[in-house]
PDB file of N, CA and C in Angstrom:
ATOM      1  N   MET A   1       0.767  -1.439  -0.040  1.00  0.00           N
ATOM      2  CA  MET A   1      -0.052  -0.043   0.035  1.00  0.00           C
ATOM      3  C   MET A   1       0.632   1.166  -0.070  1.00  0.00           C
ATOM      4  N   ASN A   2       0.635   2.007  -0.510  1.00  0.00           N
ATOM      5  CA  ASN A   2       1.059   3.185  -0.901  1.00  0.00           C
ATOM      6  C   ASN A   2       0.803   4.487  -0.017  1.00  0.00           C
ATOM      7  N   ILE A   3       1.280   5.405  -0.653  1.00  0.00           N
ATOM      8  CA  ILE A   3       0.841   6.697   0.763  1.00  0.00           C
ATOM      9  C   ILE A   3       0.856   8.402  -0.601  1.00  0.00           C
ATOM     10  N   SER A   4       0.253   8.800  -0.753  1.00  0.00           N
ATOM     11  CA  SER A   4       0.610  10.032  -1.617  1.00  0.00           C
ATOM     12  C   SER A   4       1.473  11.457  -1.092  1.00  0.00           C
ATOM     13  N   LEU A   5       1.905  11.879  -1.121  1.00  0.00           N
ATOM     14  CA  LEU A   5       2.092  13.439  -0.866  1.00  0.00           C
ATOM     15  C   LEU A   5       0.868  13.903  -0.136  1.00  0.00           C
ATOM     16  N   PRO A   6      -0.199  14.573  -0.673  1.00  0.00           N
ATOM     17  CA  PRO A   6      -1.130  14.896   0.094  1.00  0.00           C
ATOM     18  C   PRO A   6      -1.909  14.360   0.658  1.00  0.00           C
ATOM     19  N   GLU A   7      -1.734  13.171   0.912  1.00  0.00           N
ATOM     20  CA  GLU A   7      -2.085  12.658   1.920  1.00  0.00           C
ATOM     21  C   GLU A   7      -1.067  12.293   3.536  1.00  0.00           C
ATOM     22  N   LEU A   8       0.590  12.519   3.119  1.00  0.00           N
ATOM     23  CA  LEU A   8       0.844  12.662   4.219  1.00  0.00           C
ATOM     24  C   LEU A   8       1.492  13.891   4.577  1.00  0.00           C
ATOM     25  N   GLU A   9       1.015  15.075   3.840  1.00  0.00           N
ATOM     26  CA  GLU A   9       0.858  16.225   4.109  1.00  0.00           C
ATOM     27  C   GLU A   9      -0.542  16.418   5.671  1.00  0.00           C
ATOM     28  N   GLN A  10      -1.525  15.574   4.847  1.00  0.00           N
ATOM     29  CA  GLN A  10      -2.634  16.168   5.650  1.00  0.00           C
ATOM     30  C   GLN A  10      -2.657  14.939   7.342  1.00  0.00           C
ATOM     31  N   ALA A  11      -1.601  13.537   7.343  1.00  0.00           N
ATOM     32  CA  ALA A  11      -1.435  13.009   7.878  1.00  0.00           C
ATOM     33  C   ALA A  11      -0.618  13.983   9.188  1.00  0.00           C
ATOM     34  N   ILE A  12       0.415  14.460   8.585  1.00  0.00           N
ATOM     35  CA  ILE A  12       0.982  15.278   9.112  1.00  0.00           C
ATOM     36  C   ILE A  12       0.768  16.230   9.741  1.00  0.00           C
ATOM     37  N   ASN A  13       0.006  17.458   9.398  1.00  0.00           N
ATOM     38  CA  ASN A  13      -1.242  18.264   9.787  1.00  0.00           C
ATOM     39  C   ASN A  13      -1.843  18.015  11.121  1.00  0.00           C
ATOM     40  N   TYR A  14      -2.427  16.327  10.818  1.00  0.00           N
ATOM     41  CA  TYR A  14      -3.119  15.794  11.840  1.00  0.00           C
ATOM     42  C   TYR A  14      -2.211  15.684  13.463  1.00  0.00           C
ATOM     43  N   TRP A  15      -0.822  14.866  12.802  1.00  0.00           N
ATOM     44  CA  TRP A  15      -0.354  14.818  14.194  1.00  0.00           C
ATOM     45  C   TRP A  15       0.379  16.143  15.107  1.00  0.00           C
ATOM     46  N   ARG A  16       0.266  17.698  13.902  1.00  0.00           N
ATOM     47  CA  ARG A  16       0.715  18.544  14.307  1.00  0.00           C
ATOM     48  C   ARG A  16      -0.693  19.283  15.399  1.00  0.00           C
ATOM     49  N   GLN A  17      -2.034  18.993  14.998  1.00  0.00           N
ATOM     50  CA  GLN A  17      -2.732  19.234  15.961  1.00  0.00           C
ATOM     51  C   GLN A  17      -2.628  18.596  17.076  1.00  0.00           C
ATOM     52  N   GLN A  18      -3.007  17.197  17.125  1.00  0.00           N
ATOM     53  CA  GLN A  18      -3.178  16.061  18.587  1.00  0.00           C
ATOM     54  C   GLN A  18      -0.974  16.832  19.252  1.00  0.00           C
ATOM     55  N   ARG A  19      -0.220  17.076  18.641  1.00  0.00           N
ATOM     56  CA  ARG A  19       0.906  17.165  19.632  1.00  0.00           C
ATOM     57  C   ARG A  19       1.847  18.209  19.153  1.00  0.00           C
ATOM     58  N   PRO A  20       1.163  19.629  19.031  1.00  0.00           N
ATOM     59  CA  PRO A  20       2.128  20.757  18.705  1.00  0.00           C
ATOM     60  C   PRO A  20       3.462  21.493  18.936  1.00  0.00           C
ATOM     61  N   ALA A  21       3.958  21.355  18.662  1.00  0.00           N
ATOM     62  CA  ALA A  21       5.836  21.698  19.048  1.00  0.00           C
ATOM     63  C   ALA A  21       5.385  22.545  20.484  1.00  0.00           C
ATOM     64  N   LEU A  22       6.434  22.520  20.796  1.00  0.00           N
ATOM     65  CA  LEU A  22       6.696  23.084  22.685  1.00  0.00           C
ATOM     66  C   LEU A  22       7.650  23.668  22.328  1.00  0.00           C
ATOM     67  N   GLY A  23       7.951  24.403  23.405  1.00  0.00           N
ATOM     68  CA  GLY A  23       9.264  25.123  24.042  1.00  0.00           C
ATOM     69  C   GLY A  23       9.293  26.204  22.939  1.00  0.00           C
ATOM     70  N   GLU A  24      10.447  27.271  23.258  1.00  0.00           N
ATOM     71  CA  GLU A  24      10.719  28.166  22.742  1.00  0.00           C
ATOM     72  C   GLU A  24      11.312  28.355  21.282  1.00  0.00           C
ATOM     73  N   GLU A  25      11.339  27.049  21.249  1.00  0.00           N
ATOM     74  CA  GLU A  25      12.679  26.421  19.994  1.00  0.00           C
ATOM     75  C   GLU A  25      11.522  25.742  18.805  1.00  0.00           C
ATOM     76  N   CYS A  26      10.364  25.540  18.985  1.00  0.00           N
ATOM     77  CA  CYS A  26       9.559  24.964  18.719  1.00  0.00           C
ATOM     78  C   CYS A  26       9.665  23.447  18.074  1.00  0.00           C
ATOM     79  N   ALA A  27      10.514  22.591  19.054  1.00  0.00           N
ATOM     80  CA  ALA A  27      10.624  21.611  18.576  1.00  0.00           C
ATOM     81  C   ALA A  27       9.617  20.754  17.991  1.00  0.00           C
ATOM     82  N   LEU A  28       9.725  19.640  16.519  1.00  0.00           N
ATOM     83  CA  LEU A  28       8.792  19.072  16.790  1.00  0.00           C
ATOM     84  C   LEU A  28       8.340  18.194  17.546  1.00  0.00           C
ATOM     85  N   SER A  29       7.243  17.656  17.675  1.00  0.00           N
ATOM     86  CA  SER A  29       6.662  16.743  18.689  1.00  0.00           C
ATOM     87  C   SER A  29       7.708  15.126  17.462  1.00  0.00           C
ATOM     88  N   PRO A  30       7.414  14.110  18.658  1.00  0.00           N
ATOM     89  CA  PRO A  30       8.273  12.843  18.145  1.00  0.00           C
ATOM     90  C   PRO A  30       7.572  12.237  16.759  1.00  0.00           C
ATOM     91  N   GLU A  31       6.135  12.493  16.973  1.00  0.00           N
ATOM     92  CA  GLU A  31       4.764  12.424  15.896  1.00  0.00           C
ATOM     93  C   GLU A  31       5.595  12.550  14.515  1.00  0.00           C
ATOM     94  N   VAL A  32       5.157  14.112  14.675  1.00  0.00           N
ATOM     95  CA  VAL A  32       5.310  14.711  13.096  1.00  0.00           C
ATOM     96  C   VAL A  32       7.105  14.760  12.968  1.00  0.00           C
ATOM     97  N   ASN A  33       7.986  14.428  13.501  1.00  0.00           N
ATOM     98  CA  ASN A  33       9.576  14.687  13.148  1.00  0.00           C
ATOM     99  C   ASN A  33       8.974  12.757  12.765  1.00  0.00           C
ATOM    100  N   ALA A  34       8.460  11.862  13.081  1.00  0.00           N
ATOM    101  CA  ALA A  34       8.556  10.620  12.456  1.00  0.00           C
ATOM    102  C   ALA A  34       8.497  10.983  10.946  1.00  0.00           C
ATOM    103  N   LEU A  35       7.372  11.568  10.751  1.00  0.00           N
ATOM    104  CA  LEU A  35       6.638  11.711   9.306  1.00  0.00           C
ATOM    105  C   LEU A  35       7.414  12.622   8.293  1.00  0.00           C
ATOM    106  N   ALA A  36       7.956  13.443   9.295  1.00  0.00           N
ATOM    107  CA  ALA A  36       8.796  14.808   8.866  1.00  0.00           C
ATOM    108  C   ALA A  36      10.087  14.066   7.271  1.00  0.00           C
ATOM    109  N   GLY A  37      10.567  12.972   8.111  1.00  0.00           N
ATOM    110  CA  GLY A  37      11.842  12.408   7.285  1.00  0.00           C
ATOM    111  C   GLY A  37      11.133  11.473   5.774  1.00  0.00           C
ATOM    112  N   ALA A  38      10.378  10.993   5.553  1.00  0.00           N
ATOM    113  CA  ALA A  38       9.228  10.555   4.865  1.00  0.00           C
ATOM    114  C   ALA A  38       9.033  11.408   3.781  1.00  0.00           C
ATOM    115  N   TYR A  39       8.601  12.600   4.224  1.00  0.00           N
ATOM    116  CA  TYR A  39       7.664  13.825   3.648  1.00  0.00           C
ATOM    117  C   TYR A  39       9.134  14.406   2.593  1.00  0.00           C
ATOM    118  N   ALA A  40      10.582  14.624   3.325  1.00  0.00           N
ATOM    119  CA  ALA A  40      11.781  15.691   2.962  1.00  0.00           C
ATOM    120  C   ALA A  40      11.947  14.478   1.746  1.00  0.00           C
ATOM    121  N   MET A  41      12.226  13.098   2.288  1.00  0.00           N
ATOM    122  CA  MET A  41      12.770  12.169   0.832  1.00  0.00           C
ATOM    123  C   MET A  41      11.821  12.793  -0.546  1.00  0.00           C
ATOM    124  N   MET A  42      10.373  12.992  -0.426  1.00  0.00           N
ATOM    125  CA  MET A  42       9.548  12.420  -0.922  1.00  0.00           C
ATOM    126  C   MET A  42       9.976  13.983  -1.808  1.00  0.00           C
ATOM    127  N   ILE A  43       9.684  14.879  -1.049  1.00  0.00           N
ATOM    128  CA  ILE A  43      10.186  15.885  -1.945  1.00  0.00           C
ATOM    129  C   ILE A  43      11.662  16.330  -2.517  1.00  0.00           C
ATOM    130  N   ILE A  44      12.421  15.819  -2.330  1.00  0.00           N
ATOM    131  CA  ILE A  44      13.729  15.935  -2.811  1.00  0.00           C
ATOM    132  C   ILE A  44      13.926  15.167  -4.035  1.00  0.00           C
ATOM    133  N   GLU A  45      13.147  13.741  -3.729  1.00  0.00           N
ATOM    134  CA  GLU A  45      12.628  12.821  -4.686  1.00  0.00           C
ATOM    135  C   GLU A  45      11.984  12.831  -6.133  1.00  0.00           C
ATOM    136  N   HIS A  46      11.331  14.214  -5.717  1.00  0.00           N
ATOM    137  CA  HIS A  46       9.637  14.639  -6.617  1.00  0.00           C
ATOM    138  C   HIS A  46       9.028  13.054  -6.525  1.00  0.00           C
ATOM    139  N   SER A  47       8.487  12.892  -5.559  1.00  0.00           N
ATOM    140  CA  SER A  47       7.784  11.423  -6.036  1.00  0.00           C
ATOM    141  C   SER A  47       6.205  12.115  -5.646  1.00  0.00           C
ATOM    142  N   SER A  48       5.416  11.184  -5.825  1.00  0.00           N
ATOM    143  CA  SER A  48       3.971  11.854  -5.450  1.00  0.00           C
ATOM    144  C   SER A  48       3.314  10.622  -4.660  1.00  0.00           C
ATOM    145  N   GLY A  49       4.426   9.472  -4.555  1.00  0.00           N
ATOM    146  CA  GLY A  49       3.865   8.391  -3.377  1.00  0.00           C
ATOM    147  C   GLY A  49       5.076   7.704  -3.215  1.00  0.00           C
ATOM    148  N   ILE A  50       4.571   7.201  -1.589  1.00  0.00           N
ATOM    149  CA  ILE A  50       5.825   5.905  -1.151  1.00  0.00           C
ATOM    150  C   ILE A  50       5.016   4.858  -0.923  1.00  0.00           C
ATOM    151  N   ALA A  51       6.361   3.578  -0.992  1.00  0.00           N
ATOM    152  CA  ALA A  51       5.286   2.620  -0.229  1.00  0.00           C
ATOM    153  C   ALA A  51       5.396   2.829   1.631  1.00  0.00           C
ATOM    154  N   LEU A  52       4.639   2.161   2.143  1.00  0.00           N
ATOM    155  CA  LEU A  52       4.222   2.562   3.740  1.00  0.00           C
ATOM    156  C   LEU A  52       5.343   1.423   4.227  1.00  0.00           C
ATOM    157  N   GLU A  53       5.416   0.020   3.467  1.00  0.00           N
ATOM    158  CA  GLU A  53       6.507  -0.561   3.811  1.00  0.00           C
ATOM    159  C   GLU A  53       8.059  -0.604   4.084  1.00  0.00           C
ATOM    160  N   SER A  54       8.168   1.225   3.236  1.00  0.00           N
ATOM    161  CA  SER A  54       9.788   1.660   2.997  1.00  0.00           C
ATOM    162  C   SER A  54       9.615   2.426   4.295  1.00  0.00           C
ATOM    163  N   LEU A  55       8.255   3.246   4.786  1.00  0.00           N
ATOM    164  CA  LEU A  55       9.011   3.782   6.355  1.00  0.00           C
ATOM    165  C   LEU A  55       8.719   3.052   7.302  1.00  0.00           C
ATOM    166  N   GLU A  56       9.509   3.711   8.520  1.00  0.00           N
ATOM    167  CA  GLU A  56       9.973   3.335   9.958  1.00  0.00           C
ATOM    168  C   GLU A  56       8.997   2.779  10.052  1.00  0.00           C
ATOM    169  N   PRO A  57       8.776   1.239  11.094  1.00  0.00           N
ATOM    170  CA  PRO A  57       7.721   1.212  11.818  1.00  0.00           C
ATOM    171  C   PRO A  57       7.180   2.084  12.553  1.00  0.00           C
ATOM    172  N   MET A  58       7.243   3.507  13.250  1.00  0.00           N
ATOM    173  CA  MET A  58       6.508   4.015  14.363  1.00  0.00           C
ATOM    174  C   MET A  58       5.950   5.286  12.847  1.00  0.00           C
ATOM    175  N   ALA A  59       6.921   5.491  11.693  1.00  0.00           N
ATOM    176  CA  ALA A  59       6.101   6.031  11.045  1.00  0.00           C
ATOM    177  C   ALA A  59       4.553   5.971   9.966  1.00  0.00           C
ATOM    178  N   GLN A  60       4.733   4.441   9.843  1.00  0.00           N
ATOM    179  CA  GLN A  60       3.791   3.118   9.148  1.00  0.00           C
ATOM    180  C   GLN A  60       2.518   2.723  10.411  1.00  0.00           C
ATOM    181  N   GLN A  61       2.711   3.256  12.100  1.00  0.00           N
ATOM    182  CA  GLN A  61       1.773   3.230  12.409  1.00  0.00           C
ATOM    183  C   GLN A  61       1.335   4.796  13.090  1.00  0.00           C
ATOM    184  N   LEU A  62       2.005   5.360  12.995  1.00  0.00           N
ATOM    185  CA  LEU A  62       1.343   6.993  12.945  1.00  0.00           C
ATOM    186  C   LEU A  62       0.459   7.061  11.453  1.00  0.00           C
ATOM    187  N   ILE A  63       0.500   6.630  10.188  1.00  0.00           N
ATOM    188  CA  ILE A  63      -0.274   6.543   9.247  1.00  0.00           C
ATOM    189  C   ILE A  63      -1.985   5.297   9.213  1.00  0.00           C
ATOM    190  N   ALA A  64      -1.006   4.886  10.035  1.00  0.00           N
ATOM    191  CA  ALA A  64      -2.544   3.489  10.053  1.00  0.00           C
ATOM    192  C   ALA A  64      -3.502   4.426  11.044  1.00  0.00           C
ATOM    193  N   ALA A  65      -2.352   4.846  12.184  1.00  0.00           N
ATOM    194  CA  ALA A  65      -3.379   5.743  13.085  1.00  0.00           C
ATOM    195  C   ALA A  65      -4.388   6.923  12.751  1.00  0.00           C
ATOM    196  N   TRP A  66      -3.754   7.776  12.063  1.00  0.00           N
ATOM    197  CA  TRP A  66      -4.238   8.713  11.444  1.00  0.00           C
ATOM    198  C   TRP A  66      -5.637   8.380  10.002  1.00  0.00           C
ATOM    199  N   ARG A  67      -5.149   7.564   9.483  1.00  0.00           N
ATOM    200  CA  ARG A  67      -6.223   7.046   8.998  1.00  0.00           C
ATOM    201  C   ARG A  67      -7.226   6.548   9.467  1.00  0.00           C
ATOM    202  N   GLN A  68      -7.120   5.506  10.609  1.00  0.00           N
ATOM    203  CA  GLN A  68      -8.120   5.224  11.643  1.00  0.00           C
ATOM    204  C   GLN A  68      -9.253   6.391  11.857  1.00  0.00           C
ATOM    205  N   ALA A  69      -8.379   7.402  12.465  1.00  0.00           N
ATOM    206  CA  ALA A  69      -9.131   8.781  12.950  1.00  0.00           C
ATOM    207  C   ALA A  69      -9.754   9.293  11.910  1.00  0.00           C
ATOM    208  N   SER A  70      -9.456   9.180  10.576  1.00  0.00           N
ATOM    209  CA  SER A  70     -10.308  10.141   9.549  1.00  0.00           C
ATOM    210  C   SER A  70     -11.421   9.197   9.140  1.00  0.00           C
ATOM    211  N   ALA A  71     -11.001   8.408   9.080  1.00  0.00           N
ATOM    212  CA  ALA A  71     -12.332   7.025   8.650  1.00  0.00           C
ATOM    213  C   ALA A  71     -13.302   7.289   9.510  1.00  0.00           C
ATOM    214  N   ALA A  72     -13.096   7.738  11.257  1.00  0.00           N
ATOM    215  CA  ALA A  72     -13.816   7.687  12.254  1.00  0.00           C
ATOM    216  C   ALA A  72     -15.035   9.152  12.028  1.00  0.00           C
ATOM    217  N   ALA A  73     -14.111  10.322  11.716  1.00  0.00           N
ATOM    218  CA  ALA A  73     -14.033  11.277  11.595  1.00  0.00           C
ATOM    219  C   ALA A  73     -15.321  11.439  10.251  1.00  0.00           C
ATOM    220  N   ASN A  74     -15.170  10.361   9.525  1.00  0.00           N
ATOM    221  CA  ASN A  74     -16.020  10.566   7.946  1.00  0.00           C
ATOM    222  C   ASN A  74     -16.513   9.545   8.161  1.00  0.00           C
ATOM    223  N   GLY A  75     -17.337   9.053   9.473  1.00  0.00           N
ATOM    224  CA  GLY A  75     -18.139   8.029   9.550  1.00  0.00           C
ATOM    225  C   GLY A  75     -17.910   7.012   8.627  1.00  0.00           C
ATOM    226  N   ARG A  76     -16.770   6.062   8.435  1.00  0.00           N
ATOM    227  CA  ARG A  76     -16.515   5.513   7.559  1.00  0.00           C
ATOM    228  C   ARG A  76     -15.961   4.179   8.680  1.00  0.00           C
ATOM    229  N   LEU A  77     -15.946   4.223   9.732  1.00  0.00           N
ATOM    230  CA  LEU A  77     -16.165   2.940  10.533  1.00  0.00           C
ATOM    231  C   LEU A  77     -17.465   2.332  10.725  1.00  0.00           C
TER     232      LEU A  77
END
């Protein structure tokens, strides 16, 4: 299964709302940081999507949780 760049952006924004940056340095939360690496690689490689299996386990779990939350919010569960 793949995730598209717009979907990854949505997942990052979801986790930014759930766990906003804190402190004067505005450090990213571990959740956002885990997804930011994949996002950066997609931008650098001009990729429109990436295989979930190629992501770190934490990023895979975060995307799965975001998809589940999105489906619940849209009444699809």
